[in-house]
Amino acid sequence: MENYAQQYADIKKAMRKDEAAFNKIDRRLTQKINNEDFKVIDADKALQENYTFGKRLADKVAKVGGSWGFVISFVVFLVGWMFINVMQLFGWHFDPYPFILLNLALSCISAIQAPIIMMSQNRAGEKDDLDRRNDYHVKLRSEEELKLLHAKVDLQTKYNKHQSQLNQLQMEMLIRIEASQREKNIEDNLQNKKDD
């Protein structure tokens, strides 16, 4: 029985070590999740904090200037301008062919619109950078979590092995105790028969 007691103590000690390792892995996992290196920020919210009137205007101009509605309405405007000046409708003839005033207006619009659209593109680039950083942090965090979960699964396998050994030892002890009890009962019965 002493042998069983020693084996039982050894297995229980190994299981306590495994439980301590589980707790250590859980603490490390919590630390990794809360680590600043893995913090994910809301890119839209971060950009909204620096959102000035000029940046808002640039985004709206880029949104309108890059839409089919703007393209179609601008084509209609250009065709209307040329039609009025070529056909001299209503007696108007304010910009005769080669449409120098129209060229000036288009050049001015392009000169103003191009930098505004570039500002909007810069903001989109900033958002892409924030999104890329977030993706990197999420990837790092996932890798760390995966490593720790693998360690936890390995530890669980080891713990299960110890649990199985403990169960087997307990079964052996139970069988031995039952056998010993039967022998004692048989001896007691024999002793009682002799006494009778």
Protein backbone atom coordinates (compact mmCIF):
# COMPACT_ATOMS: atom_id res chain seq x y z
CA MET A 1 0.00 0.00 0.00
CA GLU A 2 2.91 2.32 0.62
CA ASN A 3 3.89 2.00 -3.03
CA TYR A 4 0.38 3.12 -4.03
CA ALA A 5 0.51 6.05 -1.64
CA GLN A 6 3.81 7.22 -3.12
CA GLN A 7 2.55 6.85 -6.70
CA TYR A 8 -0.64 8.68 -5.77
CA ALA A 9 1.34 11.53 -4.19
CA ASP A 10 3.62 11.78 -7.24
CA ILE A 11 0.71 11.92 -9.68
CA LYS A 12 -1.14 14.50 -7.55
CA LYS A 13 2.03 16.60 -7.38
CA ALA A 14 2.39 16.46 -11.18
CA MET A 15 -1.26 17.46 -11.58
CA ARG A 16 -0.82 20.44 -9.23
CA LYS A 17 2.18 21.49 -11.32
CA ASP A 18 0.02 21.24 -14.45
CA GLU A 19 -2.71 23.33 -12.81
CA ALA A 20 -0.14 25.99 -11.87
CA ALA A 21 1.07 25.97 -15.47
CA PHE A 22 -2.55 26.40 -16.64
CA ASN A 23 -2.90 29.45 -14.42
CA LYS A 24 0.39 30.84 -15.68
CA ILE A 25 -0.73 30.42 -19.31
CA ASP A 26 -4.07 32.09 -18.51
CA ARG A 27 -2.25 35.05 -16.93
CA ARG A 28 0.09 35.35 -19.92
CA LEU A 29 -2.87 35.19 -22.30
CA THR A 30 -4.63 37.96 -20.40
CA GLN A 31 -1.46 40.07 -20.38
CA LYS A 32 -0.94 39.56 -24.12
CA ILE A 33 -4.52 40.52 -24.90
CA ASN A 34 -4.26 43.68 -22.78
CA ASN A 35 -0.77 44.57 -24.05
CA GLU A 36 -0.50 47.96 -25.76
CA ASP A 37 1.26 46.35 -28.73
CA PHE A 38 -1.95 44.55 -29.56
CA LYS A 39 -4.40 47.41 -29.06
CA VAL A 40 -6.70 47.94 -32.01
CA ILE A 41 -7.89 51.48 -32.61
CA ASP A 42 -10.94 52.62 -34.51
CA ALA A 43 -9.45 54.25 -37.62
CA ASP A 44 -12.60 56.24 -38.36
CA LYS A 45 -12.77 57.58 -34.81
CA ALA A 46 -9.06 58.48 -34.80
CA LEU A 47 -9.45 60.40 -38.05
CA GLN A 48 -12.65 62.12 -36.84
CA GLU A 49 -10.66 63.64 -33.97
CA ASN A 50 -8.50 65.57 -36.49
CA TYR A 51 -11.38 66.30 -38.84
CA THR A 52 -11.25 70.01 -39.74
CA PHE A 53 -13.64 71.94 -41.96
CA GLY A 54 -11.12 71.83 -44.82
CA LYS A 55 -10.75 68.07 -44.57
CA ARG A 56 -14.52 67.60 -44.47
CA LEU A 57 -14.87 69.85 -47.52
CA ALA A 58 -12.11 67.97 -49.35
CA ASP A 59 -13.85 64.65 -48.71
CA LYS A 60 -17.19 65.99 -49.95
CA VAL A 61 -15.64 67.55 -53.08
CA ALA A 62 -13.83 64.30 -53.87
CA LYS A 63 -17.00 62.33 -53.28
CA VAL A 64 -19.07 64.58 -55.56
CA GLY A 65 -16.30 65.02 -58.15
CA GLY A 66 -15.81 61.28 -58.43
CA SER A 67 -19.45 60.40 -58.97
CA TRP A 68 -21.34 59.58 -62.16
CA GLY A 69 -23.87 62.27 -61.32
CA PHE A 70 -21.14 64.90 -61.47
CA VAL A 71 -19.69 63.54 -64.72
CA ILE A 72 -23.07 63.41 -66.46
CA SER A 73 -24.17 66.85 -65.23
CA PHE A 74 -20.83 68.34 -66.25
CA VAL A 75 -21.09 66.83 -69.73
CA VAL A 76 -24.63 68.27 -70.03
CA PHE A 77 -23.33 71.66 -68.89
CA LEU A 78 -20.46 71.60 -71.42
CA VAL A 79 -22.71 70.54 -74.30
CA GLY A 80 -25.25 73.22 -73.29
CA TRP A 81 -22.53 75.88 -73.15
CA MET A 82 -21.22 74.96 -76.58
CA PHE A 83 -24.69 74.64 -78.07
CA ILE A 84 -25.78 78.09 -76.81
CA ASN A 85 -22.61 79.76 -78.09
CA VAL A 86 -22.51 78.02 -81.47
CA MET A 87 -26.22 78.34 -82.25
CA GLN A 88 -26.54 81.80 -80.67
CA LEU A 89 -29.79 80.87 -78.95
CA PHE A 90 -31.78 83.72 -77.49
CA GLY A 91 -29.33 86.10 -79.13
CA TRP A 92 -26.62 85.12 -76.69
CA HIS A 93 -23.13 84.79 -78.00
CA PHE A 94 -20.95 85.41 -74.93
CA ASP A 95 -18.18 82.85 -75.67
CA PRO A 96 -17.72 82.22 -79.40
CA TYR A 97 -15.79 79.28 -80.76
CA PRO A 98 -12.91 78.27 -79.60
CA PHE A 99 -14.62 78.80 -76.20
CA ILE A 100 -11.80 80.67 -74.46
CA LEU A 101 -13.99 81.55 -71.47
CA LEU A 102 -14.99 77.88 -71.12
CA ASN A 103 -11.30 76.85 -71.25
CA LEU A 104 -10.50 79.41 -68.54
CA ALA A 105 -13.37 78.18 -66.35
CA LEU A 106 -12.35 74.53 -66.81
CA SER A 107 -8.71 75.34 -66.02
CA CYS A 108 -9.72 77.18 -62.85
CA ILE A 109 -11.99 74.34 -61.75
CA SER A 110 -9.21 71.81 -62.40
CA ALA A 111 -6.64 73.94 -60.57
CA ILE A 112 -8.89 74.09 -57.51
CA GLN A 113 -10.34 70.59 -57.67
CA ALA A 114 -7.05 68.68 -58.10
CA PRO A 115 -5.42 69.73 -54.79
CA ILE A 116 -8.71 69.24 -52.94
CA ILE A 117 -8.99 65.71 -54.30
CA MET A 118 -5.33 65.10 -53.36
CA MET A 119 -6.09 66.20 -49.78
CA SER A 120 -8.94 63.72 -49.68
CA GLN A 121 -6.66 61.01 -51.06
CA ASN A 122 -4.10 61.81 -48.36
CA ARG A 123 -6.81 61.31 -45.74
CA ALA A 124 -7.75 58.01 -47.36
CA GLY A 125 -4.06 57.07 -47.23
CA GLU A 126 -3.93 57.92 -43.51
CA LYS A 127 -6.97 55.72 -42.92
CA ASP A 128 -5.35 52.90 -44.91
CA ASP A 129 -2.20 53.24 -42.77
CA LEU A 130 -4.26 53.00 -39.57
CA ASP A 131 -6.15 50.00 -40.95
CA ARG A 132 -2.86 48.35 -41.94
CA ARG A 133 -1.44 48.92 -38.45
CA ASN A 134 -4.61 47.50 -36.93
CA ASP A 135 -4.35 44.44 -39.16
CA TYR A 136 -0.74 43.98 -38.07
CA HIS A 137 -1.68 44.23 -34.38
CA VAL A 138 -4.56 41.79 -34.84
CA LYS A 139 -2.21 39.37 -36.60
CA LEU A 140 0.39 39.62 -33.82
CA ARG A 141 -2.27 39.18 -31.17
CA SER A 142 -3.72 36.15 -32.95
CA GLU A 143 -0.28 34.56 -33.27
CA GLU A 144 0.41 35.05 -29.56
CA GLU A 145 -3.00 33.71 -28.59
CA LEU A 146 -2.49 30.72 -30.87
CA LYS A 147 0.92 29.96 -29.34
CA LEU A 148 -0.53 30.13 -25.85
CA LEU A 149 -3.53 28.02 -26.79
CA HIS A 150 -1.22 25.39 -28.30
CA ALA A 151 0.74 25.35 -25.05
CA LYS A 152 -2.52 25.01 -23.15
CA VAL A 153 -3.68 22.10 -25.33
CA ASP A 154 -0.32 20.37 -24.83
CA LEU A 155 -0.61 20.92 -21.11
CA GLN A 156 -4.20 19.63 -21.12
CA THR A 157 -2.99 16.46 -22.87
CA LYS A 158 -0.34 16.02 -20.19
CA TYR A 159 -2.90 16.69 -17.45
CA ASN A 160 -5.30 14.15 -18.95
CA LYS A 161 -2.50 11.58 -18.99
CA HIS A 162 -1.87 12.22 -15.29
CA GLN A 163 -5.60 12.02 -14.59
CA SER A 164 -5.75 8.69 -16.43
CA GLN A 165 -2.79 7.39 -14.41
CA LEU A 166 -4.51 8.52 -11.22
CA ASN A 167 -7.74 6.78 -12.21
CA GLN A 168 -5.85 3.59 -13.05
CA LEU A 169 -4.01 3.72 -9.72
CA GLN A 170 -7.27 4.27 -7.85
CA MET A 171 -8.84 1.30 -9.65
CA GLU A 172 -5.87 -0.89 -8.74
CA MET A 173 -6.11 0.27 -5.13
CA LEU A 174 -9.85 -0.40 -5.07
CA ILE A 175 -9.39 -3.90 -6.52
CA ARG A 176 -6.67 -4.61 -3.98
CA ILE A 177 -8.81 -3.31 -1.10
CA GLU A 178 -11.79 -5.39 -2.25
CA ALA A 179 -9.59 -8.49 -2.55
CA SER A 180 -8.16 -7.82 0.88
CA GLN A 181 -11.66 -7.32 2.29
CA ARG A 182 -12.84 -10.59 0.72
CA GLU A 183 -9.87 -12.46 2.20
CA LYS A 184 -10.61 -10.96 5.60
CA ASN A 185 -14.30 -11.91 5.30
CA ILE A 186 -13.38 -15.46 4.30
CA GLU A 187 -10.94 -15.72 7.21
CA ASP A 188 -13.58 -14.34 9.60
CA ASN A 189 -16.16 -16.84 8.29
CA LEU A 190 -13.70 -19.72 8.69
CA GLN A 191 -12.81 -18.56 12.17
CA ASN A 192 -16.51 -18.34 13.10
CA LYS A 193 -17.13 -21.88 11.78
CA LYS A 194 -14.21 -23.23 13.78
CA ASP A 195 -15.51 -21.58 16.92
CA ASP A 196 -18.95 -23.15 16.39
